[in-house]
């Protein structure tokens, strides 16, 4: 299991993920500046800073856990209205269920 990088001892349970929103006011590969969109309906890009162990599969005996779609360090996209925003260790974090993740980036940035 992973721990929150803010060293405050947060560990998500079940299928929960703790995500730090990435600063989107940065230049793209093509040289365009992407302004931050603060609307609740926007898609947010963030970095997983802690991931729970996964939800227990209720249909199989033996307490087998379902695999998590993202792990600590992954960059993910999620809808701004999903999950809960929390202020912890002086920063805004998002706590989401694994089902709230829209996609995981697979291409590594240079």
Protein backbone atom coordinates (compact mmCIF):
# COMPACT_ATOMS: atom_id res chain seq x y z
CA UNK A 1 0.00 0.00 0.00
CA UNK A 2 1.11 3.54 -0.69
CA UNK A 3 1.17 6.56 1.57
CA UNK A 4 0.21 10.17 0.95
CA UNK A 5 3.22 12.15 -0.25
CA UNK A 6 2.32 15.03 2.05
CA UNK A 7 3.61 12.91 5.01
CA UNK A 8 0.37 13.38 6.96
CA UNK A 9 -0.47 9.69 7.14
CA UNK A 10 -3.45 9.46 4.77
CA UNK A 11 -4.11 5.94 3.48
CA UNK A 12 -7.23 5.41 1.35
CA UNK A 13 -9.41 2.37 2.02
CA UNK A 14 -11.15 -0.05 -0.35
CA UNK A 15 -11.21 1.30 -3.93
CA UNK A 16 -10.49 4.94 -3.03
CA UNK A 17 -7.75 7.07 -4.61
CA UNK A 18 -6.24 10.34 -3.36
CA UNK A 19 -5.42 12.63 -6.27
CA UNK A 20 -3.56 15.94 -6.46
CA UNK A 21 -4.78 18.18 -9.27
CA UNK A 22 -1.99 19.04 -11.70
CA UNK A 23 -1.34 22.64 -12.69
CA UNK A 24 -2.77 22.93 -16.19
CA UNK A 25 -1.42 26.43 -16.86
CA UNK A 26 1.47 24.93 -18.74
CA UNK A 27 2.67 24.76 -22.29
CA UNK A 28 1.70 21.80 -24.47
CA UNK A 29 4.10 19.99 -26.83
CA UNK A 30 2.85 22.23 -29.65
CA UNK A 31 3.69 25.38 -27.66
CA UNK A 32 0.12 26.34 -26.67
CA UNK A 33 -0.67 27.51 -23.17
CA UNK A 34 -3.55 25.60 -21.60
CA UNK A 35 -5.43 27.85 -19.14
CA UNK A 36 -6.84 26.21 -16.02
CA UNK A 37 -10.58 25.57 -16.28
CA UNK A 38 -12.20 25.90 -12.88
CA UNK A 39 -15.73 24.83 -13.81
CA UNK A 40 -17.10 21.87 -11.86
CA UNK A 41 -18.14 20.13 -15.09
CA UNK A 42 -14.66 20.15 -16.58
CA UNK A 43 -12.38 17.14 -16.83
CA UNK A 44 -9.50 17.37 -14.36
CA UNK A 45 -6.02 15.95 -14.82
CA UNK A 46 -4.32 14.80 -11.65
CA UNK A 47 -1.63 12.61 -10.14
CA UNK A 48 -2.51 9.69 -7.87
CA UNK A 49 -0.63 10.22 -4.60
CA UNK A 50 -2.16 7.25 -2.75
CA UNK A 51 -4.31 4.27 -3.69
CA UNK A 52 -6.38 1.90 -1.58
CA UNK A 53 -5.94 -1.88 -1.75
CA UNK A 54 -8.99 -2.39 -3.97
CA UNK A 55 -12.59 -3.35 -3.33
CA UNK A 56 -13.33 -6.87 -2.08
CA UNK A 57 -15.00 -8.99 -4.76
CA UNK A 58 -18.32 -9.93 -3.15
CA UNK A 59 -19.01 -12.66 -5.69
CA UNK A 60 -15.95 -14.79 -4.90
CA UNK A 61 -15.26 -16.25 -1.48
CA UNK A 62 -11.83 -15.80 0.03
CA UNK A 63 -11.74 -11.98 0.25
CA UNK A 64 -10.13 -11.55 -3.17
CA UNK A 65 -9.74 -7.87 -4.10
CA UNK A 66 -10.54 -6.36 -7.48
CA UNK A 67 -7.52 -4.76 -9.19
CA UNK A 68 -7.23 -0.98 -9.02
CA UNK A 69 -7.28 0.88 -12.37
CA UNK A 70 -4.54 3.29 -11.25
CA UNK A 71 -1.57 3.17 -8.89
CA UNK A 72 0.46 5.77 -7.02
CA UNK A 73 2.26 8.03 -9.49
CA UNK A 74 -0.21 7.53 -12.37
CA UNK A 75 -1.68 10.53 -14.18
CA UNK A 76 -5.47 10.24 -14.46
CA UNK A 77 -8.45 12.17 -15.80
CA UNK A 78 -11.70 12.54 -13.84
CA UNK A 79 -14.82 14.72 -13.93
CA UNK A 80 -14.68 17.78 -11.69
CA UNK A 81 -17.98 16.95 -10.00
CA UNK A 82 -16.87 13.43 -8.94
CA UNK A 83 -15.55 12.49 -5.52
CA UNK A 84 -14.83 14.73 -2.56
CA UNK A 85 -12.46 17.68 -2.28
CA UNK A 86 -10.57 17.79 0.99
CA UNK A 87 -8.13 20.32 2.41
CA UNK A 88 -5.38 18.30 4.03
CA UNK A 89 -1.83 19.29 4.92
CA UNK A 90 -2.51 22.73 3.46
CA UNK A 91 -3.35 21.50 -0.03
CA UNK A 92 -6.53 20.62 -1.89
CA UNK A 93 -6.82 16.93 -2.65
CA UNK A 94 -9.52 14.87 -4.37
CA UNK A 95 -10.74 11.54 -2.97
CA UNK A 96 -12.42 9.38 -5.60
CA UNK A 97 -13.65 5.83 -6.06
CA UNK A 98 -11.88 3.79 -8.70
CA UNK A 99 -15.06 3.89 -10.84
CA UNK A 100 -14.80 7.71 -11.02
CA UNK A 101 -11.55 7.57 -13.02
CA UNK A 102 -12.24 8.27 -16.70
CA UNK A 103 -8.83 7.18 -17.99
CA UNK A 104 -5.19 6.67 -17.08
CA UNK A 105 -2.48 8.30 -19.21
CA UNK A 106 -0.20 5.69 -20.72
CA UNK A 107 2.18 7.95 -22.65
CA UNK A 108 5.04 9.20 -20.50
CA UNK A 109 5.90 12.90 -20.80
CA UNK A 110 9.48 13.87 -21.67
